[in-house]
Amino acid sequence: MKYLTLIAALAFAGSAMAVDCTDCHEKIDVAVHTEAEASIATCNDCHDFEGAHTLDMDMHTPDLTIAECSDCHE
């Protein structure tokens, strides 16, 4: 039974891993967005981010910077 629990936990952890944004989008110029002090809260100012993406707000905060986003997402 403990192995089943371990396998279930590993499967969940694998499904919660960061997505590769470049599967659908061109690579983001992190330097330009960092210089502009972009954050998740300001993405919608230039891009319709919320129209196509739903963020897990337990994991993401509006003040996350683009540099921090690129730590997990490519």
Protein backbone atom coordinates (compact mmCIF):
# COMPACT_ATOMS: atom_id res chain seq x y z
CA MET A 1 0.00 0.00 0.00
CA LYS A 2 2.82 2.43 0.78
CA TYR A 3 4.24 1.89 -2.72
CA LEU A 4 0.91 2.79 -4.27
CA THR A 5 0.88 6.01 -2.25
CA LEU A 6 4.44 6.77 -3.35
CA ILE A 7 3.60 6.17 -7.01
CA ALA A 8 0.49 8.36 -6.74
CA ALA A 9 2.54 11.16 -5.13
CA LEU A 10 5.19 10.96 -7.86
CA ALA A 11 2.53 11.02 -10.59
CA PHE A 12 0.93 14.11 -9.05
CA ALA A 13 4.28 15.86 -8.68
CA GLY A 14 5.04 15.13 -12.33
CA SER A 15 1.74 16.60 -13.47
CA ALA A 16 2.34 19.77 -11.44
CA MET A 17 5.70 20.49 -13.07
CA ALA A 18 6.16 23.71 -14.98
CA VAL A 19 5.04 23.88 -18.56
CA ASP A 20 7.27 24.78 -21.46
CA CYS A 21 5.72 27.97 -22.82
CA THR A 22 7.72 27.66 -26.04
CA ASP A 23 5.53 24.71 -27.03
CA CYS A 24 2.94 27.32 -28.06
CA HIS A 25 4.78 30.66 -27.95
CA GLU A 26 8.00 32.21 -29.19
CA LYS A 27 10.69 32.50 -26.51
CA ILE A 28 10.17 35.55 -24.27
CA ASP A 29 12.92 38.17 -24.23
CA VAL A 30 13.45 38.04 -20.47
CA ALA A 31 15.97 40.93 -20.47
CA VAL A 32 13.53 43.38 -22.09
CA HIS A 33 10.69 42.37 -19.79
CA THR A 34 12.93 42.49 -16.70
CA GLU A 35 14.12 45.96 -17.68
CA ALA A 36 10.47 47.02 -18.01
CA GLU A 37 9.83 45.56 -14.52
CA ALA A 38 7.08 43.31 -15.89
CA SER A 39 5.16 41.11 -13.50
CA ILE A 40 2.19 38.78 -13.77
CA ALA A 41 -0.03 41.67 -12.70
CA THR A 42 1.12 43.74 -15.69
CA CYS A 43 1.04 40.99 -18.37
CA ASN A 44 -2.51 41.96 -19.37
CA ASP A 45 -1.43 45.55 -20.01
CA CYS A 46 0.27 44.37 -23.22
CA HIS A 47 -0.96 40.82 -23.72
CA ASP A 48 -4.33 39.08 -23.26
CA PHE A 49 -2.74 36.69 -20.78
CA GLU A 50 -5.84 35.96 -18.72
CA GLY A 51 -7.88 35.22 -21.84
CA ALA A 52 -5.87 32.08 -22.57
CA HIS A 53 -4.24 31.14 -19.24
CA THR A 54 -5.51 30.22 -15.81
CA LEU A 55 -2.89 30.49 -13.11
CA ASP A 56 -2.85 28.57 -9.86
CA MET A 57 -2.86 31.56 -7.53
CA ASP A 58 -1.76 29.40 -4.60
CA MET A 59 1.54 29.05 -6.44
CA HIS A 60 1.67 32.35 -8.39
CA THR A 61 1.35 35.82 -6.89
CA PRO A 62 0.60 38.98 -8.92
CA ASP A 63 3.99 40.43 -7.98
CA LEU A 64 6.00 37.58 -9.54
CA THR A 65 8.50 39.05 -11.98
CA ILE A 66 9.29 37.77 -15.44
CA ALA A 67 12.75 36.76 -14.20
CA GLU A 68 11.08 34.60 -11.54
CA CYS A 69 8.70 33.14 -14.13
CA SER A 70 11.64 32.07 -16.27
CA ASP A 71 13.06 30.13 -13.33
CA CYS A 72 10.29 27.55 -13.87
CA HIS A 73 8.98 28.26 -17.38
CA GLU A 74 10.95 28.45 -20.59
